Amino acid sequence: MKIISSPAKLMNIENSTELFKTTTPKFIDEASFIHSFLKEKSPKYLSELMEISSKLADENWERNQKWKAKPGSKESAPAMFAFTGEVYRGLDAKTLDKNAVTYLQKNYRMLSGLYGLLKPSDKVMLYRLEMGRNFNFDSYKNLYEFWREKITEQLNSELKAKDIILNLASSEYFKVLDKKKLNVPVIDFDFYEIREGKLKTIVVYTKHARGLVIRYCAQNQVKTLNGVKGFNLEGYRIDEKLSTKTKLVFTR
């Protein structure tokens, strides 16, 4: 089984762990190639590309100047611990035990605009480059064009015949994969809050729930779709009537 999520804009490289040795991302050469173009972009360009304030643009320009393919331990952190957005607050990796972390190292992958595909232990530096932004470089119109075949092939190489993919990524990120060429079924997720008898989607809760599912799978060493259906953290329960063969729906 492979669990897929998006990265996060919020990062903290002071987070780390003693539960595994850090590794180098599979696509570090490709990341260096992308970065060679990103590094040359001005703060004004970054502000317009990512629709961020001039202050954030200056901050990310400085990050781009400092970025390197082989960072030291004080300049980087393992990806699963470096990302600190809402998904990762739900995952709360720093409170997981060694068995759970070992499970995630085998089964969990994070998509990234800069790094492509990351294992939990892969060293990352502070960066910001969302997959869906209209970043054109070299002969590529965007990051989807650059990454789609590479990431799809890599994911397929890690899959076994009876595996499934749990899609806990945003649509912006998951569409970098060529779904038609994936060798195993993809399971999507919806999370709803029940308010006055009606189902409501609240984005921040959905992001948090994605992280909770990853945490649940790790804590329970989940290996099957039926195992995933048992997800019950923070009041969520599966809705069998709304769920289908390719989508699991959880409500609370």
Protein backbone atom coordinates (compact mmCIF):
# COMPACT_ATOMS: atom_id res chain seq x y z
CA MET A 1 0.00 0.00 0.00
CA LYS A 2 1.11 3.54 -0.70
CA ILE A 3 -0.27 6.59 1.07
CA ILE A 4 0.12 9.85 -0.86
CA SER A 5 -0.19 13.39 0.50
CA SER A 6 0.65 16.95 -0.49
CA PRO A 7 3.51 18.87 1.12
CA ALA A 8 2.84 22.01 3.20
CA LYS A 9 3.70 25.67 2.77
CA LEU A 10 4.58 25.87 6.46
CA MET A 11 7.92 24.29 7.34
CA ASN A 12 10.28 24.02 10.30
CA ILE A 13 13.72 22.48 9.81
CA GLU A 14 14.36 22.43 13.56
CA ASN A 15 12.10 19.38 13.75
CA SER A 16 13.88 16.03 13.55
CA THR A 17 13.88 12.47 14.85
CA GLU A 18 16.23 9.75 16.05
CA LEU A 19 13.99 7.01 14.64
CA PHE A 20 15.63 6.80 11.22
CA LYS A 21 18.68 7.99 9.31
CA THR A 22 18.06 10.83 6.91
CA THR A 23 18.22 10.08 3.19
CA THR A 24 18.70 11.97 -0.06
CA PRO A 25 15.56 12.49 -2.19
CA LYS A 26 15.29 10.18 -5.20
CA PHE A 27 14.97 13.13 -7.58
CA ILE A 28 17.58 15.44 -6.08
CA ASP A 29 19.26 15.96 -9.48
CA GLU A 30 15.91 17.01 -10.96
CA ALA A 31 15.30 19.30 -7.98
CA SER A 32 18.69 20.91 -8.59
CA PHE A 33 17.77 21.43 -12.23
CA ILE A 34 14.48 23.13 -11.34
CA HIS A 35 16.20 25.18 -8.68
CA SER A 36 18.80 26.48 -11.12
CA PHE A 37 15.93 28.39 -12.78
CA LEU A 38 14.08 29.25 -9.59
CA LYS A 39 17.19 30.78 -8.03
CA GLU A 40 17.40 33.34 -10.82
CA LYS A 41 13.87 34.65 -10.25
CA SER A 42 13.41 38.03 -8.58
CA PRO A 43 11.29 38.67 -5.47
CA LYS A 44 8.79 40.48 -7.70
CA TYR A 45 8.46 37.42 -9.93
CA LEU A 46 8.00 35.14 -6.90
CA SER A 47 5.35 37.45 -5.48
CA GLU A 48 3.35 37.33 -8.71
CA LEU A 49 3.92 33.61 -9.33
CA MET A 50 2.76 32.49 -5.91
CA GLU A 51 0.42 35.39 -5.15
CA ILE A 52 2.24 36.23 -1.93
CA SER A 53 3.20 39.49 -0.20
CA SER A 54 6.47 41.24 -0.97
CA LYS A 55 7.68 40.27 2.51
CA LEU A 56 7.06 36.58 1.86
CA ALA A 57 8.57 36.93 -1.61
CA ASP A 58 11.76 38.40 -0.13
CA GLU A 59 11.88 35.57 2.40
CA ASN A 60 11.53 32.92 -0.28
CA TRP A 61 14.06 34.66 -2.54
CA GLU A 62 16.55 34.36 0.34
CA ARG A 63 15.64 30.68 0.76
CA ASN A 64 16.32 30.14 -2.94
CA GLN A 65 19.76 31.70 -2.64
CA LYS A 66 20.67 29.38 0.26
CA TRP A 67 19.23 26.18 -1.16
CA LYS A 68 21.62 23.32 -1.94
CA ALA A 69 21.30 19.71 -3.05
CA LYS A 70 23.38 18.33 -0.18
CA PRO A 71 22.48 20.34 2.93
CA GLY A 72 23.88 19.78 6.39
CA SER A 73 21.75 18.56 9.28
CA LYS A 74 21.29 22.09 10.64
CA GLU A 75 20.05 23.36 7.26
CA SER A 76 17.52 20.60 6.64
CA ALA A 77 15.10 18.15 8.22
CA PRO A 78 13.39 14.88 7.25
CA ALA A 79 10.41 15.74 5.04
CA MET A 80 7.77 14.19 7.30
CA PHE A 81 9.00 16.34 10.18
CA ALA A 82 9.86 19.47 8.18
CA PHE A 83 6.33 20.08 6.87
CA THR A 84 4.10 21.60 9.56
CA GLY A 85 0.80 22.49 7.85
CA GLU A 86 -2.62 21.18 8.88
CA VAL A 87 -2.17 17.72 7.37
CA TYR A 88 1.02 17.34 9.38
CA ARG A 89 -0.62 18.58 12.55
CA GLY A 90 -3.08 15.74 12.10
CA LEU A 91 -0.25 13.28 11.45
CA ASP A 92 1.74 14.62 14.44
CA ALA A 93 4.79 12.55 13.47
CA LYS A 94 6.88 13.58 16.46
CA THR A 95 4.58 11.61 18.80
CA LEU A 96 4.69 8.36 16.79
CA ASP A 97 6.70 5.37 17.97
CA LYS A 98 9.38 3.53 16.02
CA ASN A 99 6.99 0.92 14.57
CA ALA A 100 4.70 3.63 13.22
CA VAL A 101 7.58 5.61 11.74
CA THR A 102 9.02 2.46 10.13
CA TYR A 103 5.59 1.74 8.61
CA LEU A 104 5.42 5.26 7.14
CA GLN A 105 8.95 5.06 5.77
CA LYS A 106 7.82 2.04 3.74
CA ASN A 107 4.29 3.10 2.81
CA TYR A 108 4.04 6.91 2.84
CA ARG A 109 5.15 9.35 0.13
CA MET A 110 4.80 13.12 -0.17
CA LEU A 111 4.45 14.93 -3.49
CA SER A 112 6.48 18.12 -3.98
CA GLY A 113 6.79 20.78 -6.66
CA LEU A 114 10.54 20.99 -6.11
CA TYR A 115 11.52 17.49 -4.97
CA GLY A 116 8.98 15.44 -6.91
CA LEU A 117 8.37 12.50 -4.57
CA LEU A 118 9.63 12.31 -0.99
CA LYS A 119 10.07 9.56 1.57
CA PRO A 120 9.59 10.52 5.24
CA SER A 121 13.36 10.39 5.83
CA ASP A 122 14.37 12.50 2.82
CA LYS A 123 16.24 15.68 3.74
CA VAL A 124 14.59 18.89 2.59
CA MET A 125 15.51 22.53 2.98
CA LEU A 126 13.09 25.43 3.41
CA TYR A 127 11.43 26.14 0.06
CA ARG A 128 8.18 27.18 -1.54
CA LEU A 129 7.13 26.02 -4.99
CA GLU A 130 3.55 24.82 -5.32
CA MET A 131 2.89 22.23 -8.01
CA GLY A 132 -0.06 24.11 -9.52
CA ARG A 133 1.67 27.45 -10.10
CA ASN A 134 2.37 28.52 -13.68
CA PHE A 135 6.14 28.15 -13.35
CA ASN A 136 7.67 27.69 -16.80
CA PHE A 137 11.35 26.88 -17.13
CA ASP A 138 13.69 25.47 -19.76
CA SER A 139 11.32 23.83 -22.30
CA TYR A 140 8.63 23.00 -19.72
CA LYS A 141 5.33 24.86 -19.52
CA ASN A 142 4.80 23.90 -15.90
CA LEU A 143 5.81 21.47 -13.14
CA TYR A 144 3.14 18.94 -14.12
CA GLU A 145 4.77 18.52 -17.51
CA PHE A 146 8.19 18.07 -15.92
CA TRP A 147 7.16 15.65 -13.16
CA ARG A 148 4.21 13.57 -14.41
CA GLU A 149 6.05 10.72 -16.11
CA LYS A 150 8.92 10.66 -13.60
CA ILE A 151 6.77 10.47 -10.47
CA THR A 152 4.26 8.03 -11.99
CA GLU A 153 7.04 5.63 -13.02
CA GLN A 154 8.74 5.87 -9.64
CA LEU A 155 5.52 5.18 -7.76
CA ASN A 156 4.74 2.20 -10.00
CA SER A 157 8.22 0.80 -9.32
CA GLU A 158 7.47 0.81 -5.58
CA LEU A 159 4.07 -0.87 -5.87
CA LYS A 160 3.26 -4.57 -5.56
CA ALA A 161 0.53 -6.36 -7.51
CA LYS A 162 -2.18 -6.28 -4.83
CA ASP A 163 -1.38 -2.82 -3.46
CA ILE A 164 -3.70 0.17 -3.37
CA ILE A 165 -2.96 3.89 -3.34
CA LEU A 166 -4.62 6.02 -0.67
CA ASN A 167 -5.02 9.48 -2.17
CA LEU A 168 -4.81 11.92 0.73
CA ALA A 169 -3.34 14.68 -1.43
CA SER A 170 -5.09 17.77 -2.74
CA SER A 171 -6.34 17.73 -6.34
CA GLU A 172 -3.62 20.27 -7.20
CA TYR A 173 -0.94 17.78 -6.28
CA PHE A 174 -2.47 14.41 -7.10
CA LYS A 175 -3.10 15.35 -10.72
CA VAL A 176 0.66 15.36 -11.26
CA LEU A 177 0.28 11.57 -11.39
CA ASP A 178 -0.88 9.94 -14.62
CA LYS A 179 -3.77 8.03 -13.05
CA LYS A 180 -4.34 5.92 -16.18
CA LYS A 181 -0.80 4.57 -15.97
CA LEU A 182 -0.85 3.69 -12.27
CA ASN A 183 -0.73 -0.08 -11.85
CA VAL A 184 -3.09 -0.34 -8.86
CA PRO A 185 -6.47 1.10 -7.75
CA VAL A 186 -6.61 4.60 -6.28
CA ILE A 187 -8.83 5.21 -3.25
CA ASP A 188 -10.05 8.80 -2.78
CA PHE A 189 -11.43 10.30 0.43
CA ASP A 190 -14.12 12.76 1.51
CA PHE A 191 -14.57 14.11 5.03
CA TYR A 192 -17.79 15.79 6.16
CA GLU A 193 -19.00 17.55 9.27
CA ILE A 194 -22.65 16.93 10.16
CA ARG A 195 -24.26 20.28 10.94
CA GLU A 196 -28.03 20.48 11.58
CA GLY A 197 -28.51 17.22 9.73
CA LYS A 198 -26.55 18.36 6.67
CA LEU A 199 -23.12 17.34 5.43
CA LYS A 200 -20.61 20.19 5.21
CA THR A 201 -17.05 20.30 3.93
CA ILE A 202 -14.74 22.50 6.00
CA VAL A 203 -11.36 22.75 4.29
CA VAL A 204 -9.18 23.06 7.39
CA TYR A 205 -10.90 20.02 8.96
CA THR A 206 -10.48 18.05 5.75
CA LYS A 207 -6.73 18.74 5.72
CA HIS A 208 -6.44 17.76 9.37
CA ALA A 209 -8.42 14.56 8.74
CA ARG A 210 -6.06 13.55 5.94
CA GLY A 211 -3.22 13.65 8.42
CA LEU A 212 -5.27 11.72 10.96
CA VAL A 213 -5.84 8.91 8.44
CA ILE A 214 -2.09 8.67 7.82
CA ARG A 215 -1.53 8.56 11.58
CA TYR A 216 -4.21 5.90 12.06
CA CYS A 217 -2.72 3.69 9.35
CA ALA A 218 0.73 3.97 10.92
CA GLN A 219 -0.44 3.30 14.47
CA ASN A 220 -2.48 0.28 13.38
CA GLN A 221 -0.07 -1.01 10.71
CA VAL A 222 -2.93 -0.98 8.20
CA LYS A 223 -2.37 -3.12 5.10
CA THR A 224 -5.84 -3.49 3.55
CA LEU A 225 -8.78 -1.36 2.46
CA ASN A 226 -10.89 -2.87 5.23
CA GLY A 227 -8.25 -1.76 7.68
CA VAL A 228 -8.52 1.81 6.40
CA LYS A 229 -12.30 1.71 6.84
CA GLY A 230 -11.72 1.33 10.58
CA PHE A 231 -10.41 4.92 10.81
CA ASN A 232 -12.07 6.49 13.86
CA LEU A 233 -9.83 9.26 15.21
CA GLU A 234 -11.36 12.49 16.57
CA GLY A 235 -14.93 11.32 16.11
CA TYR A 236 -14.82 10.26 12.44
CA ARG A 237 -16.68 7.16 11.28
CA ILE A 238 -17.06 5.67 7.83
CA ASP A 239 -20.36 6.24 6.03
CA GLU A 240 -20.86 2.99 4.13
CA LYS A 241 -23.84 4.35 2.19
CA LEU A 242 -21.90 7.30 0.77
CA SER A 243 -18.69 5.34 0.21
CA THR A 244 -17.95 3.51 -3.06
CA LYS A 245 -15.34 1.02 -4.29
CA THR A 246 -12.97 3.89 -5.08
CA LYS A 247 -13.93 6.51 -2.48
CA LEU A 248 -14.19 6.32 1.30
CA VAL A 249 -16.45 8.87 2.99
CA PHE A 250 -16.05 9.68 6.67
CA THR A 251 -18.38 11.87 8.73
CA ARG A 252 -18.57 13.21 12.27
